[in-house]
Amino acid sequence: SSDARKANTNAMIGFAKAMTDDEVKAAAEYF
C-alpha cells in the first residue's frame, strides 16, 4: 500500500508468505 498505515494490506502480505501453493490454488479456484 502507498499508505503504510493500511493494516489489512500488511496482513495480506503476511498471509501470502505463509500460505502454501496448494492453499493459494484452492482459494483461487473457489473464488
PDB file of all heavy atoms in Angstrom:
ATOM      1  N   SER A   1       0.826  -1.202   0.000  1.00  0.00           N
ATOM      2  CA  SER A   1       0.000   0.000   0.000  1.00  0.00           C
ATOM      3  C   SER A   1       0.862   1.253   0.000  1.00  0.00           C
ATOM      4  O   SER A   1       1.915   1.292   0.638  1.00  0.00           O
ATOM      5  CB  SER A   1      -0.918   0.017   1.229  1.00  0.00           C
ATOM      6  OG  SER A   1      -1.657   1.217   1.287  1.00  0.00           O
ATOM      7  N   SER A   2       0.418   2.276  -0.725  1.00  0.00           N
ATOM      8  CA  SER A   2       1.107   3.570  -0.698  1.00  0.00           C
ATOM      9  C   SER A   2       0.987   4.234   0.665  1.00  0.00           C
ATOM     10  O   SER A   2       1.768   5.127   0.984  1.00  0.00           O
ATOM     11  CB  SER A   2       0.529   4.499  -1.772  1.00  0.00           C
ATOM     12  OG  SER A   2       0.760   3.981  -3.061  1.00  0.00           O
ATOM     13  N   ASP A   3       0.010   3.823   1.449  1.00  0.00           N
ATOM     14  CA  ASP A   3      -0.159   4.324   2.809  1.00  0.00           C
ATOM     15  C   ASP A   3       0.220   3.200   3.768  1.00  0.00           C
ATOM     16  O   ASP A   3      -0.505   2.214   3.908  1.00  0.00           O
ATOM     17  CB  ASP A   3      -1.601   4.778   3.041  1.00  0.00           C
ATOM     18  CG  ASP A   3      -1.761   5.581   4.324  1.00  0.00           C
ATOM     19  OD1 ASP A   3      -1.077   5.261   5.317  1.00  0.00           O
ATOM     20  OD2 ASP A   3      -2.572   6.534   4.340  1.00  0.00           O
ATOM     21  N   ALA A   4       1.365   3.339   4.399  1.00  0.00           N
ATOM     22  CA  ALA A   4       1.889   2.271   5.257  1.00  0.00           C
ATOM     23  C   ALA A   4       0.995   1.979   6.450  1.00  0.00           C
ATOM     24  O   ALA A   4       1.151   0.948   7.108  1.00  0.00           O
ATOM     25  CB  ALA A   4       3.293   2.640   5.743  1.00  0.00           C
ATOM     26  N   ARG A   5       0.044   2.871   6.734  1.00  0.00           N
ATOM     27  CA  ARG A   5      -0.862   2.645   7.858  1.00  0.00           C
ATOM     28  C   ARG A   5      -1.923   1.591   7.546  1.00  0.00           C
ATOM     29  O   ARG A   5      -2.621   1.138   8.462  1.00  0.00           O
ATOM     30  CB  ARG A   5      -1.570   3.953   8.234  1.00  0.00           C
ATOM     31  CG  ARG A   5      -0.647   5.067   8.684  1.00  0.00           C
ATOM     32  CD  ARG A   5      -1.421   6.364   8.884  1.00  0.00           C
ATOM     33  NE  ARG A   5      -2.000   6.866   7.621  1.00  0.00           N
ATOM     34  CZ  ARG A   5      -2.808   7.927   7.541  1.00  0.00           C
ATOM     35  NH1 ARG A   5      -3.153   8.579   8.639  1.00  0.00           N
ATOM     36  NH2 ARG A   5      -3.272   8.327   6.366  1.00  0.00           N
ATOM     37  N   LYS A   6      -2.096   1.218   6.288  1.00  0.00           N
ATOM     38  CA  LYS A   6      -3.187   0.325   5.915  1.00  0.00           C
ATOM     39  C   LYS A   6      -2.886  -1.096   6.387  1.00  0.00           C
ATOM     40  O   LYS A   6      -2.215  -1.881   5.715  1.00  0.00           O
ATOM     41  CB  LYS A   6      -3.431   0.375   4.410  1.00  0.00           C
ATOM     42  CG  LYS A   6      -4.686  -0.385   4.015  1.00  0.00           C
ATOM     43  CD  LYS A   6      -5.342   0.209   2.801  1.00  0.00           C
ATOM     44  CE  LYS A   6      -6.605  -0.564   2.442  1.00  0.00           C
ATOM     45  NZ  LYS A   6      -7.565  -0.679   3.556  1.00  0.00           N
ATOM     46  N   ALA A   7      -3.425  -1.427   7.538  1.00  0.00           N
ATOM     47  CA  ALA A   7      -3.041  -2.651   8.232  1.00  0.00           C
ATOM     48  C   ALA A   7      -3.444  -3.913   7.481  1.00  0.00           C
ATOM     49  O   ALA A   7      -2.715  -4.912   7.507  1.00  0.00           O
ATOM     50  CB  ALA A   7      -3.651  -2.661   9.635  1.00  0.00           C
ATOM     51  N   ASN A   8      -4.611  -3.903   6.820  1.00  0.00           N
ATOM     52  CA  ASN A   8      -5.026  -5.163   6.200  1.00  0.00           C
ATOM     53  C   ASN A   8      -4.193  -5.502   4.962  1.00  0.00           C
ATOM     54  O   ASN A   8      -4.032  -6.679   4.627  1.00  0.00           O
ATOM     55  CB  ASN A   8      -6.526  -5.173   5.886  1.00  0.00           C
ATOM     56  CG  ASN A   8      -6.974  -4.027   5.020  1.00  0.00           C
ATOM     57  OD1 ASN A   8      -6.194  -3.117   4.726  1.00  0.00           O
ATOM     58  ND2 ASN A   8      -8.236  -4.046   4.626  1.00  0.00           N
ATOM     59  N   THR A   9      -3.640  -4.502   4.291  1.00  0.00           N
ATOM     60  CA  THR A   9      -2.709  -4.806   3.205  1.00  0.00           C
ATOM     61  C   THR A   9      -1.450  -5.459   3.757  1.00  0.00           C
ATOM     62  O   THR A   9      -0.931  -6.433   3.195  1.00  0.00           O
ATOM     63  CB  THR A   9      -2.339  -3.530   2.431  1.00  0.00           C
ATOM     64  OG1 THR A   9      -3.524  -2.939   1.907  1.00  0.00           O
ATOM     65  CG2 THR A   9      -1.382  -3.844   1.286  1.00  0.00           C
ATOM     66  N   ASN A  10      -0.962  -4.933   4.871  1.00  0.00           N
ATOM     67  CA  ASN A  10       0.207  -5.535   5.513  1.00  0.00           C
ATOM     68  C   ASN A  10      -0.105  -6.959   5.971  1.00  0.00           C
ATOM     69  O   ASN A  10       0.750  -7.858   5.882  1.00  0.00           O
ATOM     70  CB  ASN A  10       0.652  -4.675   6.697  1.00  0.00           C
ATOM     71  CG  ASN A  10       1.079  -3.286   6.271  1.00  0.00           C
ATOM     72  OD1 ASN A  10       1.554  -3.087   5.156  1.00  0.00           O
ATOM     73  ND2 ASN A  10       0.906  -2.307   7.147  1.00  0.00           N
ATOM     74  N   ALA A  11      -1.341  -7.179   6.434  1.00  0.00           N
ATOM     75  CA  ALA A  11      -1.738  -8.528   6.843  1.00  0.00           C
ATOM     76  C   ALA A  11      -1.758  -9.472   5.644  1.00  0.00           C
ATOM     77  O   ALA A  11      -1.323 -10.630   5.743  1.00  0.00           O
ATOM     78  CB  ALA A  11      -3.104  -8.496   7.514  1.00  0.00           C
ATOM     79  N   MET A  12      -2.242  -8.988   4.497  1.00  0.00           N
ATOM     80  CA  MET A  12      -2.281  -9.838   3.305  1.00  0.00           C
ATOM     81  C   MET A  12      -0.886 -10.274   2.875  1.00  0.00           C
ATOM     82  O   MET A  12      -0.686 -11.398   2.403  1.00  0.00           O
ATOM     83  CB  MET A  12      -2.962  -9.090   2.165  1.00  0.00           C
ATOM     84  CG  MET A  12      -4.478  -9.138   2.172  1.00  0.00           C
ATOM     85  SD  MET A  12      -5.161 -10.815   2.113  1.00  0.00           S
ATOM     86  CE  MET A  12      -4.365 -11.501   0.669  1.00  0.00           C
ATOM     87  N   ILE A  13       0.081  -9.397   3.039  1.00  0.00           N
ATOM     88  CA  ILE A  13       1.462  -9.761   2.702  1.00  0.00           C
ATOM     89  C   ILE A  13       1.908 -10.925   3.578  1.00  0.00           C
ATOM     90  O   ILE A  13       2.518 -11.889   3.094  1.00  0.00           O
ATOM     91  CB  ILE A  13       2.387  -8.539   2.877  1.00  0.00           C
ATOM     92  CG1 ILE A  13       2.037  -7.469   1.836  1.00  0.00           C
ATOM     93  CG2 ILE A  13       3.853  -8.948   2.760  1.00  0.00           C
ATOM     94  CD1 ILE A  13       2.728  -6.139   2.066  1.00  0.00           C
ATOM     95  N   GLY A  14       1.564 -10.845   4.856  1.00  0.00           N
ATOM     96  CA  GLY A  14       1.913 -11.930   5.770  1.00  0.00           C
ATOM     97  C   GLY A  14       1.204 -13.226   5.432  1.00  0.00           C
ATOM     98  O   GLY A  14       1.819 -14.317   5.462  1.00  0.00           O
ATOM     99  N   PHE A  15      -0.084 -13.143   5.091  1.00  0.00           N
ATOM    100  CA  PHE A  15      -0.827 -14.354   4.730  1.00  0.00           C
ATOM    101  C   PHE A  15      -0.232 -14.995   3.475  1.00  0.00           C
ATOM    102  O   PHE A  15      -0.074 -16.216   3.405  1.00  0.00           O
ATOM    103  CB  PHE A  15      -2.302 -14.023   4.462  1.00  0.00           C
ATOM    104  CG  PHE A  15      -3.027 -13.431   5.637  1.00  0.00           C
ATOM    105  CD1 PHE A  15      -4.138 -12.620   5.447  1.00  0.00           C
ATOM    106  CD2 PHE A  15      -2.622 -13.685   6.939  1.00  0.00           C
ATOM    107  CE1 PHE A  15      -4.817 -12.073   6.509  1.00  0.00           C
ATOM    108  CE2 PHE A  15      -3.291 -13.139   8.027  1.00  0.00           C
ATOM    109  CZ  PHE A  15      -4.402 -12.325   7.814  1.00  0.00           C
ATOM    110  N   ALA A  16       0.085 -14.164   2.478  1.00  0.00           N
ATOM    111  CA  ALA A  16       0.624 -14.690   1.225  1.00  0.00           C
ATOM    112  C   ALA A  16       1.950 -15.410   1.452  1.00  0.00           C
ATOM    113  O   ALA A  16       2.223 -16.440   0.813  1.00  0.00           O
ATOM    114  CB  ALA A  16       0.803 -13.559   0.216  1.00  0.00           C
ATOM    115  N   LYS A  17       2.756 -14.873   2.326  1.00  0.00           N
ATOM    116  CA  LYS A  17       4.036 -15.513   2.607  1.00  0.00           C
ATOM    117  C   LYS A  17       3.867 -16.828   3.363  1.00  0.00           C
ATOM    118  O   LYS A  17       4.689 -17.742   3.217  1.00  0.00           O
ATOM    119  CB  LYS A  17       4.925 -14.554   3.408  1.00  0.00           C
ATOM    120  CG  LYS A  17       5.426 -13.364   2.599  1.00  0.00           C
ATOM    121  CD  LYS A  17       6.296 -12.449   3.441  1.00  0.00           C
ATOM    122  CE  LYS A  17       6.846 -11.300   2.589  1.00  0.00           C
ATOM    123  NZ  LYS A  17       7.690 -10.377   3.382  1.00  0.00           N
ATOM    124  N   ALA A  18       2.800 -16.922   4.156  1.00  0.00           N
ATOM    125  CA  ALA A  18       2.598 -18.114   4.975  1.00  0.00           C
ATOM    126  C   ALA A  18       1.836 -19.218   4.247  1.00  0.00           C
ATOM    127  O   ALA A  18       1.943 -20.391   4.615  1.00  0.00           O
ATOM    128  CB  ALA A  18       1.848 -17.739   6.256  1.00  0.00           C
ATOM    129  N   MET A  19       1.069 -18.875   3.204  1.00  0.00           N
ATOM    130  CA  MET A  19       0.242 -19.869   2.517  1.00  0.00           C
ATOM    131  C   MET A  19       1.075 -20.751   1.593  1.00  0.00           C
ATOM    132  O   MET A  19       2.024 -20.288   0.957  1.00  0.00           O
ATOM    133  CB  MET A  19      -0.870 -19.182   1.720  1.00  0.00           C
ATOM    134  CG  MET A  19      -1.946 -18.565   2.594  1.00  0.00           C
ATOM    135  SD  MET A  19      -3.147 -17.558   1.654  1.00  0.00           S
ATOM    136  CE  MET A  19      -4.053 -18.837   0.768  1.00  0.00           C
ATOM    137  N   THR A  20       0.690 -22.002   1.509  1.00  0.00           N
ATOM    138  CA  THR A  20       1.320 -22.914   0.565  1.00  0.00           C
ATOM    139  C   THR A  20       0.733 -22.682  -0.833  1.00  0.00           C
ATOM    140  O   THR A  20      -0.329 -22.078  -0.991  1.00  0.00           O
ATOM    141  CB  THR A  20       1.076 -24.376   0.963  1.00  0.00           C
ATOM    142  OG1 THR A  20      -0.329 -24.666   0.837  1.00  0.00           O
ATOM    143  CG2 THR A  20       1.519 -24.636   2.401  1.00  0.00           C
ATOM    144  N   ASP A  21       1.421 -23.201  -1.844  1.00  0.00           N
ATOM    145  CA  ASP A  21       0.910 -23.087  -3.210  1.00  0.00           C
ATOM    146  C   ASP A  21      -0.449 -23.766  -3.344  1.00  0.00           C
ATOM    147  O   ASP A  21      -1.341 -23.267  -4.046  1.00  0.00           O
ATOM    148  CB  ASP A  21       1.896 -23.709  -4.203  1.00  0.00           C
ATOM    149  CG  ASP A  21       3.181 -22.907  -4.344  1.00  0.00           C
ATOM    150  OD1 ASP A  21       3.213 -21.743  -3.890  1.00  0.00           O
ATOM    151  OD2 ASP A  21       4.154 -23.454  -4.902  1.00  0.00           O
ATOM    152  N   ASP A  22      -0.621 -24.888  -2.678  1.00  0.00           N
ATOM    153  CA  ASP A  22      -1.901 -25.606  -2.757  1.00  0.00           C
ATOM    154  C   ASP A  22      -3.021 -24.790  -2.102  1.00  0.00           C
ATOM    155  O   ASP A  22      -4.164 -24.793  -2.593  1.00  0.00           O
ATOM    156  CB  ASP A  22      -1.796 -26.971  -2.072  1.00  0.00           C
ATOM    157  CG  ASP A  22      -1.017 -27.982  -2.903  1.00  0.00           C
ATOM    158  OD1 ASP A  22      -0.830 -27.728  -4.118  1.00  0.00           O
ATOM    159  OD2 ASP A  22      -0.591 -29.005  -2.342  1.00  0.00           O
ATOM    160  N   GLU A  23      -2.727 -24.104  -1.002  1.00  0.00           N
ATOM    161  CA  GLU A  23      -3.745 -23.280  -0.352  1.00  0.00           C
ATOM    162  C   GLU A  23      -4.146 -22.088  -1.224  1.00  0.00           C
ATOM    163  O   GLU A  23      -5.331 -21.749  -1.337  1.00  0.00           O
ATOM    164  CB  GLU A  23      -3.235 -22.818   1.013  1.00  0.00           C
ATOM    165  CG  GLU A  23      -3.172 -23.922   2.048  1.00  0.00           C
ATOM    166  CD  GLU A  23      -2.428 -23.519   3.312  1.00  0.00           C
ATOM    167  OE1 GLU A  23      -1.589 -22.592   3.250  1.00  0.00           O
ATOM    168  OE2 GLU A  23      -2.685 -24.136   4.367  1.00  0.00           O
ATOM    169  N   VAL A  24      -3.156 -21.458  -1.848  1.00  0.00           N
ATOM    170  CA  VAL A  24      -3.450 -20.342  -2.750  1.00  0.00           C
ATOM    171  C   VAL A  24      -4.302 -20.829  -3.913  1.00  0.00           C
ATOM    172  O   VAL A  24      -5.290 -20.190  -4.301  1.00  0.00           O
ATOM    173  CB  VAL A  24      -2.146 -19.697  -3.261  1.00  0.00           C
ATOM    174  CG1 VAL A  24      -2.450 -18.700  -4.380  1.00  0.00           C
ATOM    175  CG2 VAL A  24      -1.402 -19.013  -2.122  1.00  0.00           C
ATOM    176  N   LYS A  25      -3.941 -21.969  -4.479  1.00  0.00           N
ATOM    177  CA  LYS A  25      -4.689 -22.516  -5.609  1.00  0.00           C
ATOM    178  C   LYS A  25      -6.128 -22.837  -5.212  1.00  0.00           C
ATOM    179  O   LYS A  25      -7.078 -22.552  -5.967  1.00  0.00           O
ATOM    180  CB  LYS A  25      -3.995 -23.770  -6.133  1.00  0.00           C
ATOM    181  CG  LYS A  25      -4.697 -24.394  -7.341  1.00  0.00           C
ATOM    182  CD  LYS A  25      -3.968 -25.661  -7.807  1.00  0.00           C
ATOM    183  CE  LYS A  25      -4.720 -26.293  -8.990  1.00  0.00           C
ATOM    184  NZ  LYS A  25      -4.076 -27.567  -9.413  1.00  0.00           N
ATOM    185  N   ALA A  26      -6.308 -23.414  -4.030  1.00  0.00           N
ATOM    186  CA  ALA A  26      -7.658 -23.768  -3.569  1.00  0.00           C
ATOM    187  C   ALA A  26      -8.525 -22.523  -3.413  1.00  0.00           C
ATOM    188  O   ALA A  26      -9.691 -22.507  -3.829  1.00  0.00           O
ATOM    189  CB  ALA A  26      -7.578 -24.532  -2.249  1.00  0.00           C
ATOM    190  N   ALA A  27      -7.962 -21.473  -2.819  1.00  0.00           N
ATOM    191  CA  ALA A  27      -8.716 -20.232  -2.655  1.00  0.00           C
ATOM    192  C   ALA A  27      -9.012 -19.606  -4.009  1.00  0.00           C
ATOM    193  O   ALA A  27     -10.127 -19.113  -4.256  1.00  0.00           O
ATOM    194  CB  ALA A  27      -7.927 -19.258  -1.779  1.00  0.00           C
ATOM    195  N   ALA A  28      -8.026 -19.618  -4.901  1.00  0.00           N
ATOM    196  CA  ALA A  28      -8.203 -19.025  -6.228  1.00  0.00           C
ATOM    197  C   ALA A  28      -9.307 -19.730  -7.006  1.00  0.00           C
ATOM    198  O   ALA A  28     -10.170 -19.074  -7.618  1.00  0.00           O
ATOM    199  CB  ALA A  28      -6.888 -19.103  -6.999  1.00  0.00           C
ATOM    200  N   GLU A  29      -9.297 -21.053  -6.998  1.00  0.00           N
ATOM    201  CA  GLU A  29     -10.298 -21.806  -7.752  1.00  0.00           C
ATOM    202  C   GLU A  29     -11.681 -21.652  -7.133  1.00  0.00           C
ATOM    203  O   GLU A  29     -12.694 -21.620  -7.855  1.00  0.00           O
ATOM    204  CB  GLU A  29      -9.889 -23.274  -7.826  1.00  0.00           C
ATOM    205  CG  GLU A  29      -8.641 -23.483  -8.684  1.00  0.00           C
ATOM    206  CD  GLU A  29      -8.185 -24.928  -8.728  1.00  0.00           C
ATOM    207  OE1 GLU A  29      -8.647 -25.726  -7.867  1.00  0.00           O
ATOM    208  OE2 GLU A  29      -7.353 -25.263  -9.603  1.00  0.00           O
ATOM    209  N   TYR A  30     -11.741 -21.539  -5.810  1.00  0.00           N
ATOM    210  CA  TYR A  30     -13.043 -21.336  -5.159  1.00  0.00           C
ATOM    211  C   TYR A  30     -13.648 -19.996  -5.563  1.00  0.00           C
ATOM    212  O   TYR A  30     -14.791 -19.939  -6.046  1.00  0.00           O
ATOM    213  CB  TYR A  30     -12.895 -21.405  -3.641  1.00  0.00           C
ATOM    214  CG  TYR A  30     -14.154 -20.969  -2.933  1.00  0.00           C
ATOM    215  CD1 TYR A  30     -15.256 -21.815  -2.851  1.00  0.00           C
ATOM    216  CD2 TYR A  30     -14.261 -19.691  -2.378  1.00  0.00           C
ATOM    217  CE1 TYR A  30     -16.430 -21.411  -2.233  1.00  0.00           C
ATOM    218  CE2 TYR A  30     -15.430 -19.280  -1.755  1.00  0.00           C
ATOM    219  CZ  TYR A  30     -16.516 -20.143  -1.690  1.00  0.00           C
ATOM    220  OH  TYR A  30     -17.674 -19.727  -1.089  1.00  0.00           O
ATOM    221  N   PHE A  31     -12.915 -18.907  -5.374  1.00  0.00           N
ATOM    222  CA  PHE A  31     -13.482 -17.592  -5.660  1.00  0.00           C
ATOM    223  C   PHE A  31     -13.728 -17.390  -7.155  1.00  0.00           C
ATOM    224  O   PHE A  31     -14.624 -16.635  -7.541  1.00  0.00           O
ATOM    225  CB  PHE A  31     -12.584 -16.499  -5.095  1.00  0.00           C
ATOM    226  CG  PHE A  31     -12.649 -16.379  -3.604  1.00  0.00           C
ATOM    227  CD1 PHE A  31     -11.516 -16.580  -2.818  1.00  0.00           C
ATOM    228  CD2 PHE A  31     -13.835 -16.076  -2.971  1.00  0.00           C
ATOM    229  CE1 PHE A  31     -11.572 -16.469  -1.440  1.00  0.00           C
ATOM    230  CE2 PHE A  31     -13.914 -15.969  -1.582  1.00  0.00           C
ATOM    231  CZ  PHE A  31     -12.781 -16.164  -0.813  1.00  0.00           C
TER     232      PHE A  31
END
